[in-house]
């Protein structure tokens, strides 16, 4: 078979394949069009969802920043002038009240975002500052139950403190032991051990001394604190 014949056969096959594709499209035109429309709609939905998520995430971060500004705002000092534009509060209670409102609103509106979850934690802290143990426990427990280990451990630590304040030492001990067993970057095991030893100083001095003795050899700040505690006895 010469070169010209082979070229002619290839051309015929190409024409035949093209015609077959055209015929198939004509027969399935409505199906193809519907599939294309469906794909376009799905793409539009995905893009729209990403845009909405991005906007809500930015709004959550902004709201968190505003709440933290309130939380960290200085208290007004008699006879001391404040810088232009600086916000101050007459009392710690007044500051905590507004911060708590802001954090609660943030957590309720943006609970699916990191800023909202962190806001829930601070809502619990500010509720504690206001002496509202019930709302504080509710908020902190919600955070403690999340899968965000660093944030959850902070909530457990605050919750244990709340339990101690309300004479529920046994519940506080459970949380401290959980934190010791599963330390995180935000609550190292030694930090939880110090808290547990501090609780035991009143209820079980021997156990407190045992924990301090374990920590004494550590070169960390916890070791220094433990050594001081043992030196005072």
C-alpha atoms as a PDB file:
ATOM      1  CA  UNK A   1       0.000   0.000   0.000  1.00  0.00           C
ATOM      2  CA  UNK A   2       1.554   3.281  -1.070  1.00  0.00           C
ATOM      3  CA  UNK A   3       1.750   6.456   0.984  1.00  0.00           C
ATOM      4  CA  UNK A   4      -1.066   8.224  -0.868  1.00  0.00           C
ATOM      5  CA  UNK A   5      -3.474   5.344  -0.249  1.00  0.00           C
ATOM      6  CA  UNK A   6      -2.673   5.198   3.481  1.00  0.00           C
ATOM      7  CA  UNK A   7      -3.218   8.952   3.754  1.00  0.00           C
ATOM      8  CA  UNK A   8      -6.573   8.655   2.008  1.00  0.00           C
ATOM      9  CA  UNK A   9      -7.670   5.883   4.394  1.00  0.00           C
ATOM     10  CA  UNK A  10      -6.715   7.976   7.427  1.00  0.00           C
ATOM     11  CA  UNK A  11      -8.709  10.877   6.073  1.00  0.00           C
ATOM     12  CA  UNK A  12     -11.716   8.639   5.543  1.00  0.00           C
ATOM     13  CA  UNK A  13     -11.499   7.325   9.130  1.00  0.00           C
ATOM     14  CA  UNK A  14     -11.209  10.876  10.476  1.00  0.00           C
ATOM     15  CA  UNK A  15     -14.245  11.982   8.500  1.00  0.00           C
ATOM     16  CA  UNK A  16     -16.173   8.919   9.656  1.00  0.00           C
ATOM     17  CA  UNK A  17     -15.254   9.477  13.313  1.00  0.00           C
ATOM     18  CA  UNK A  18     -16.203  13.144  13.103  1.00  0.00           C
ATOM     19  CA  UNK A  19     -19.523  12.275  11.484  1.00  0.00           C
ATOM     20  CA  UNK A  20     -20.199   9.686  14.181  1.00  0.00           C
ATOM     21  CA  UNK A  21     -19.533  12.260  16.915  1.00  0.00           C
ATOM     22  CA  UNK A  22     -21.807  14.774  15.235  1.00  0.00           C
ATOM     23  CA  UNK A  23     -24.546  12.190  14.866  1.00  0.00           C
ATOM     24  CA  UNK A  24     -24.227  11.190  18.538  1.00  0.00           C
ATOM     25  CA  UNK A  25     -24.445  14.829  19.630  1.00  0.00           C
ATOM     26  CA  UNK A  26     -27.531  15.392  17.490  1.00  0.00           C
ATOM     27  CA  UNK A  27     -29.224  12.349  18.990  1.00  0.00           C
ATOM     28  CA  UNK A  28     -28.291  13.275  22.584  1.00  0.00           C
ATOM     29  CA  UNK A  29     -28.339  17.045  22.269  1.00  0.00           C
ATOM     30  CA  UNK A  30     -30.899  17.694  24.994  1.00  0.00           C
ATOM     31  CA  UNK A  31     -29.075  15.395  27.422  1.00  0.00           C
ATOM     32  CA  UNK A  32     -25.733  17.093  26.753  1.00  0.00           C
ATOM     33  CA  UNK A  33     -27.245  20.551  27.180  1.00  0.00           C
ATOM     34  CA  UNK A  34     -28.883  19.564  30.472  1.00  0.00           C
ATOM     35  CA  UNK A  35     -25.610  18.093  31.720  1.00  0.00           C
ATOM     36  CA  UNK A  36     -23.716  21.269  30.808  1.00  0.00           C
ATOM     37  CA  UNK A  37     -26.322  23.441  32.534  1.00  0.00           C
ATOM     38  CA  UNK A  38     -26.186  21.240  35.645  1.00  0.00           C
ATOM     39  CA  UNK A  39     -22.383  21.437  35.716  1.00  0.00           C
ATOM     40  CA  UNK A  40     -22.516  25.221  35.323  1.00  0.00           C
ATOM     41  CA  UNK A  41     -25.048  25.537  38.135  1.00  0.00           C
ATOM     42  CA  UNK A  42     -22.905  23.340  40.430  1.00  0.00           C
ATOM     43  CA  UNK A  43     -19.845  25.434  39.661  1.00  0.00           C
ATOM     44  CA  UNK A  44     -21.782  28.637  40.336  1.00  0.00           C
ATOM     45  CA  UNK A  45     -23.015  27.236  43.657  1.00  0.00           C
ATOM     46  CA  UNK A  46     -19.495  26.245  44.703  1.00  0.00           C
ATOM     47  CA  UNK A  47     -18.074  29.643  43.763  1.00  0.00           C
ATOM     48  CA  UNK A  48     -20.955  31.403  45.525  1.00  0.00           C
ATOM     49  CA  UNK A  49     -20.465  29.298  48.650  1.00  0.00           C
ATOM     50  CA  UNK A  50     -16.754  30.097  48.724  1.00  0.00           C
ATOM     51  CA  UNK A  51     -17.464  33.811  48.373  1.00  0.00           C
ATOM     52  CA  UNK A  52     -20.064  33.731  51.158  1.00  0.00           C
ATOM     53  CA  UNK A  53     -17.745  31.691  53.396  1.00  0.00           C
ATOM     54  CA  UNK A  54     -14.898  34.105  52.809  1.00  0.00           C
ATOM     55  CA  UNK A  55     -17.070  37.126  53.618  1.00  0.00           C
ATOM     56  CA  UNK A  56     -18.508  35.537  56.775  1.00  0.00           C
ATOM     57  CA  UNK A  57     -15.058  34.431  57.902  1.00  0.00           C
ATOM     58  CA  UNK A  58     -13.751  37.976  57.480  1.00  0.00           C
ATOM     59  CA  UNK A  59     -16.778  39.345  59.356  1.00  0.00           C
ATOM     60  CA  UNK A  60     -16.203  36.846  62.174  1.00  0.00           C
ATOM     61  CA  UNK A  61     -12.546  37.854  62.463  1.00  0.00           C
ATOM     62  CA  UNK A  62     -13.522  41.526  62.555  1.00  0.00           C
ATOM     63  CA  UNK A  63     -16.127  40.941  65.265  1.00  0.00           C
ATOM     64  CA  UNK A  64     -13.612  38.940  67.288  1.00  0.00           C
ATOM     65  CA  UNK A  65     -11.089  41.745  67.028  1.00  0.00           C
ATOM     66  CA  UNK A  66     -13.632  44.283  68.268  1.00  0.00           C
ATOM     67  CA  UNK A  67     -14.603  42.076  71.215  1.00  0.00           C
ATOM     68  CA  UNK A  68     -10.953  41.546  72.139  1.00  0.00           C
ATOM     69  CA  UNK A  69     -10.384  45.304  72.008  1.00  0.00           C
ATOM     70  CA  UNK A  70     -13.110  45.653  74.613  1.00  0.00           C
ATOM     71  CA  UNK A  71     -11.744  42.754  76.682  1.00  0.00           C
ATOM     72  CA  UNK A  72      -8.262  44.303  76.759  1.00  0.00           C
ATOM     73  CA  UNK A  73      -9.357  47.927  77.130  1.00  0.00           C
ATOM     74  CA  UNK A  74      -7.775  49.743  80.097  1.00  0.00           C
ATOM     75  CA  UNK A  75      -9.696  50.953  83.110  1.00  0.00           C
ATOM     76  CA  UNK A  76      -9.987  54.693  83.605  1.00  0.00           C
ATOM     77  CA  UNK A  77      -7.634  55.991  86.279  1.00  0.00           C
ATOM     78  CA  UNK A  78      -8.526  59.078  88.325  1.00  0.00           C
ATOM     79  CA  UNK A  79      -6.565  62.077  87.157  1.00  0.00           C
ATOM     80  CA  UNK A  80      -4.982  60.218  84.265  1.00  0.00           C
ATOM     81  CA  UNK A  81      -5.654  61.379  80.733  1.00  0.00           C
ATOM     82  CA  UNK A  82      -6.331  58.847  78.011  1.00  0.00           C
ATOM     83  CA  UNK A  83      -4.918  58.942  74.510  1.00  0.00           C
ATOM     84  CA  UNK A  84      -7.214  60.359  71.800  1.00  0.00           C
ATOM     85  CA  UNK A  85      -9.544  57.629  70.561  1.00  0.00           C
ATOM     86  CA  UNK A  86      -8.605  55.222  73.360  1.00  0.00           C
ATOM     87  CA  UNK A  87     -11.553  53.491  74.974  1.00  0.00           C
ATOM     88  CA  UNK A  88     -11.609  53.028  78.733  1.00  0.00           C
ATOM     89  CA  UNK A  89     -14.077  51.645  81.251  1.00  0.00           C
ATOM     90  CA  UNK A  90     -14.886  52.913  84.729  1.00  0.00           C
ATOM     91  CA  UNK A  91     -14.837  49.411  86.256  1.00  0.00           C
ATOM     92  CA  UNK A  92     -13.759  45.888  85.378  1.00  0.00           C
ATOM     93  CA  UNK A  93     -17.390  44.787  85.682  1.00  0.00           C
ATOM     94  CA  UNK A  94     -18.518  47.314  83.063  1.00  0.00           C
ATOM     95  CA  UNK A  95     -15.801  46.124  80.704  1.00  0.00           C
ATOM     96  CA  UNK A  96     -16.633  42.469  81.264  1.00  0.00           C
ATOM     97  CA  UNK A  97     -20.336  43.094  80.694  1.00  0.00           C
ATOM     98  CA  UNK A  98     -19.864  44.630  77.262  1.00  0.00           C
ATOM     99  CA  UNK A  99     -17.180  42.115  76.262  1.00  0.00           C
ATOM    100  CA  UNK A 100     -19.450  39.259  77.283  1.00  0.00           C
ATOM    101  CA  UNK A 101     -22.256  40.605  75.105  1.00  0.00           C
ATOM    102  CA  UNK A 102     -19.914  40.938  72.148  1.00  0.00           C
ATOM    103  CA  UNK A 103     -18.429  37.469  72.581  1.00  0.00           C
ATOM    104  CA  UNK A 104     -21.860  35.867  72.966  1.00  0.00           C
ATOM    105  CA  UNK A 105     -23.119  37.560  69.802  1.00  0.00           C
ATOM    106  CA  UNK A 106     -19.979  36.497  67.960  1.00  0.00           C
ATOM    107  CA  UNK A 107     -20.360  32.874  69.072  1.00  0.00           C
ATOM    108  CA  UNK A 108     -24.037  32.750  68.155  1.00  0.00           C
ATOM    109  CA  UNK A 109     -23.589  34.293  64.707  1.00  0.00           C
ATOM    110  CA  UNK A 110     -20.320  32.673  63.673  1.00  0.00           C
ATOM    111  CA  UNK A 111     -20.183  29.453  65.668  1.00  0.00           C
ATOM    112  CA  UNK A 112     -18.874  27.440  62.711  1.00  0.00           C
ATOM    113  CA  UNK A 113     -15.781  29.602  62.382  1.00  0.00           C
ATOM    114  CA  UNK A 114     -12.634  29.552  64.486  1.00  0.00           C
ATOM    115  CA  UNK A 115     -13.301  33.104  65.654  1.00  0.00           C
ATOM    116  CA  UNK A 116     -16.787  32.108  66.795  1.00  0.00           C
ATOM    117  CA  UNK A 117     -15.531  29.091  68.740  1.00  0.00           C
ATOM    118  CA  UNK A 118     -12.864  31.176  70.418  1.00  0.00           C
ATOM    119  CA  UNK A 119     -15.508  33.797  71.136  1.00  0.00           C
ATOM    120  CA  UNK A 120     -17.538  31.161  72.983  1.00  0.00           C
ATOM    121  CA  UNK A 121     -14.532  30.483  75.210  1.00  0.00           C
ATOM    122  CA  UNK A 122     -14.128  34.168  76.050  1.00  0.00           C
ATOM    123  CA  UNK A 123     -17.860  34.439  76.630  1.00  0.00           C
ATOM    124  CA  UNK A 124     -17.400  31.835  79.343  1.00  0.00           C
ATOM    125  CA  UNK A 125     -14.457  33.690  80.862  1.00  0.00           C
ATOM    126  CA  UNK A 126     -16.269  37.027  80.954  1.00  0.00           C
ATOM    127  CA  UNK A 127     -19.356  35.380  82.427  1.00  0.00           C
ATOM    128  CA  UNK A 128     -17.096  34.087  85.213  1.00  0.00           C
ATOM    129  CA  UNK A 129     -15.782  37.619  85.708  1.00  0.00           C
ATOM    130  CA  UNK A 130     -19.373  38.777  86.133  1.00  0.00           C
ATOM    131  CA  UNK A 131     -20.123  36.031  88.645  1.00  0.00           C
ATOM    132  CA  UNK A 132     -22.562  34.283  86.290  1.00  0.00           C
ATOM    133  CA  UNK A 133     -21.489  30.711  86.973  1.00  0.00           C
ATOM    134  CA  UNK A 134     -24.399  29.087  85.119  1.00  0.00           C
ATOM    135  CA  UNK A 135     -23.866  30.777  81.727  1.00  0.00           C
ATOM    136  CA  UNK A 136     -20.094  30.476  82.187  1.00  0.00           C
ATOM    137  CA  UNK A 137     -20.314  26.726  82.708  1.00  0.00           C
ATOM    138  CA  UNK A 138     -22.604  26.320  79.691  1.00  0.00           C
ATOM    139  CA  UNK A 139     -20.278  28.228  77.364  1.00  0.00           C
ATOM    140  CA  UNK A 140     -17.086  26.602  78.618  1.00  0.00           C
ATOM    141  CA  UNK A 141     -18.579  23.117  78.437  1.00  0.00           C
ATOM    142  CA  UNK A 142     -19.541  23.668  74.796  1.00  0.00           C
ATOM    143  CA  UNK A 143     -15.957  24.583  73.980  1.00  0.00           C
ATOM    144  CA  UNK A 144     -14.542  21.757  76.089  1.00  0.00           C
ATOM    145  CA  UNK A 145     -16.604  19.276  74.059  1.00  0.00           C
ATOM    146  CA  UNK A 146     -15.202  20.404  70.698  1.00  0.00           C
ATOM    147  CA  UNK A 147     -12.519  18.574  68.704  1.00  0.00           C
ATOM    148  CA  UNK A 148     -10.237  21.620  68.773  1.00  0.00           C
ATOM    149  CA  UNK A 149      -7.814  20.192  71.353  1.00  0.00           C
ATOM    150  CA  UNK A 150      -5.815  23.376  72.128  1.00  0.00           C
ATOM    151  CA  UNK A 151      -8.959  25.456  72.624  1.00  0.00           C
ATOM    152  CA  UNK A 152     -10.869  22.667  74.379  1.00  0.00           C
ATOM    153  CA  UNK A 153      -8.059  22.225  76.904  1.00  0.00           C
ATOM    154  CA  UNK A 154      -8.173  25.932  77.754  1.00  0.00           C
ATOM    155  CA  UNK A 155     -11.907  25.636  78.322  1.00  0.00           C
ATOM    156  CA  UNK A 156     -11.397  22.602  80.580  1.00  0.00           C
ATOM    157  CA  UNK A 157      -8.822  24.493  82.609  1.00  0.00           C
ATOM    158  CA  UNK A 158     -11.211  27.418  83.083  1.00  0.00           C
ATOM    159  CA  UNK A 159     -14.054  25.018  83.829  1.00  0.00           C
ATOM    160  CA  UNK A 160     -11.987  23.292  86.513  1.00  0.00           C
ATOM    161  CA  UNK A 161     -11.333  26.680  88.090  1.00  0.00           C
ATOM    162  CA  UNK A 162     -15.059  27.388  88.034  1.00  0.00           C
ATOM    163  CA  UNK A 163     -15.735  24.047  89.739  1.00  0.00           C
ATOM    164  CA  UNK A 164     -13.265  24.912  92.479  1.00  0.00           C
ATOM    165  CA  UNK A 165     -14.954  28.258  93.036  1.00  0.00           C
ATOM    166  CA  UNK A 166     -18.312  26.513  93.432  1.00  0.00           C
ATOM    167  CA  UNK A 167     -16.966  23.822  95.812  1.00  0.00           C
ATOM    168  CA  UNK A 168     -17.060  21.019  93.250  1.00  0.00           C
ATOM    169  CA  UNK A 169     -13.507  19.886  93.755  1.00  0.00           C
ATOM    170  CA  UNK A 170     -14.122  16.311  92.641  1.00  0.00           C
ATOM    171  CA  UNK A 171     -15.221  17.529  89.199  1.00  0.00           C
ATOM    172  CA  UNK A 172     -12.209  19.821  88.992  1.00  0.00           C
ATOM    173  CA  UNK A 173      -9.890  16.909  89.792  1.00  0.00           C
ATOM    174  CA  UNK A 174     -11.357  14.892  86.922  1.00  0.00           C
ATOM    175  CA  UNK A 175     -10.635  17.700  84.467  1.00  0.00           C
ATOM    176  CA  UNK A 176      -7.112  18.289  85.751  1.00  0.00           C
ATOM    177  CA  UNK A 177      -6.310  14.606  85.371  1.00  0.00           C
ATOM    178  CA  UNK A 178      -7.678  14.647  81.827  1.00  0.00           C
ATOM    179  CA  UNK A 179      -5.428  17.585  80.998  1.00  0.00           C
ATOM    180  CA  UNK A 180      -2.416  15.835  82.523  1.00  0.00           C
ATOM    181  CA  UNK A 181      -3.120  12.668  80.537  1.00  0.00           C
ATOM    182  CA  UNK A 182      -3.599  14.559  77.276  1.00  0.00           C
ATOM    183  CA  UNK A 183      -1.498  17.733  77.323  1.00  0.00           C
ATOM    184  CA  UNK A 184      -1.710  20.278  74.525  1.00  0.00           C
ATOM    185  CA  UNK A 185       0.306  23.234  73.305  1.00  0.00           C
ATOM    186  CA  UNK A 186      -1.958  25.568  75.291  1.00  0.00           C
ATOM    187  CA  UNK A 187      -2.115  23.530  78.514  1.00  0.00           C
ATOM    188  CA  UNK A 188       1.058  21.490  79.122  1.00  0.00           C
ATOM    189  CA  UNK A 189       0.879  18.607  81.581  1.00  0.00           C
ATOM    190  CA  UNK A 190       3.003  20.472  84.140  1.00  0.00           C
ATOM    191  CA  UNK A 191       0.582  23.404  84.170  1.00  0.00           C
ATOM    192  CA  UNK A 192      -2.317  21.075  84.936  1.00  0.00           C
ATOM    193  CA  UNK A 193      -0.230  19.303  87.594  1.00  0.00           C
ATOM    194  CA  UNK A 194       0.420  22.595  89.361  1.00  0.00           C
ATOM    195  CA  UNK A 195      -3.285  23.389  89.359  1.00  0.00           C
ATOM    196  CA  UNK A 196      -4.110  19.947  90.731  1.00  0.00           C
ATOM    197  CA  UNK A 197      -1.452  20.242  93.425  1.00  0.00           C
ATOM    198  CA  UNK A 198      -2.829  23.642  94.389  1.00  0.00           C
ATOM    199  CA  UNK A 199      -6.264  22.097  94.839  1.00  0.00           C
ATOM    200  CA  UNK A 200      -4.819  19.224  96.881  1.00  0.00           C
ATOM    201  CA  UNK A 201      -3.004  21.600  99.262  1.00  0.00           C
ATOM    202  CA  UNK A 202      -6.257  22.041 101.171  1.00  0.00           C
ATOM    203  CA  UNK A 203      -7.855  18.643 100.660  1.00  0.00           C
ATOM    204  CA  UNK A 204      -4.924  16.219 100.396  1.00  0.00           C
ATOM    205  CA  UNK A 205      -1.570  17.809 101.385  1.00  0.00           C
ATOM    206  CA  UNK A 206       0.346  14.547 101.027  1.00  0.00           C
ATOM    207  CA  UNK A 207      -0.758  14.179  97.413  1.00  0.00           C
ATOM    208  CA  UNK A 208       0.078  17.831  96.749  1.00  0.00           C
ATOM    209  CA  UNK A 209       3.628  17.291  98.065  1.00  0.00           C
ATOM    210  CA  UNK A 210       3.940  14.201  95.896  1.00  0.00           C
ATOM    211  CA  UNK A 211       3.090  16.192  92.752  1.00  0.00           C
ATOM    212  CA  UNK A 212       5.438  19.027  93.721  1.00  0.00           C
ATOM    213  CA  UNK A 213       8.227  16.500  94.292  1.00  0.00           C
ATOM    214  CA  UNK A 214       7.660  15.096  90.812  1.00  0.00           C
ATOM    215  CA  UNK A 215       7.841  18.552  89.277  1.00  0.00           C
ATOM    216  CA  UNK A 216      10.803  19.773  91.330  1.00  0.00           C
ATOM    217  CA  UNK A 217      13.397  18.188  89.043  1.00  0.00           C
ATOM    218  CA  UNK A 218      11.981  19.956  85.978  1.00  0.00           C
ATOM    219  CA  UNK A 219      14.014  22.890  84.679  1.00  0.00           C
ATOM    220  CA  UNK A 220      10.847  24.686  83.647  1.00  0.00           C
ATOM    221  CA  UNK A 221       8.960  27.409  85.491  1.00  0.00           C
ATOM    222  CA  UNK A 222       6.735  24.678  86.916  1.00  0.00           C
ATOM    223  CA  UNK A 223       9.787  23.066  88.499  1.00  0.00           C
ATOM    224  CA  UNK A 224      10.800  26.338  90.122  1.00  0.00           C
ATOM    225  CA  UNK A 225       7.302  26.892  91.499  1.00  0.00           C
ATOM    226  CA  UNK A 226       7.215  23.337  92.831  1.00  0.00           C
ATOM    227  CA  UNK A 227      10.589  23.806  94.541  1.00  0.00           C
ATOM    228  CA  UNK A 228       9.341  27.004  96.163  1.00  0.00           C
ATOM    229  CA  UNK A 229       6.204  25.273  97.372  1.00  0.00           C
ATOM    230  CA  UNK A 230       8.226  22.473  98.946  1.00  0.00           C
ATOM    231  CA  UNK A 231      10.646  24.965 100.486  1.00  0.00           C
ATOM    232  CA  UNK A 232       7.794  26.735 102.235  1.00  0.00           C
ATOM    233  CA  UNK A 233       6.737  23.587 104.066  1.00  0.00           C
END
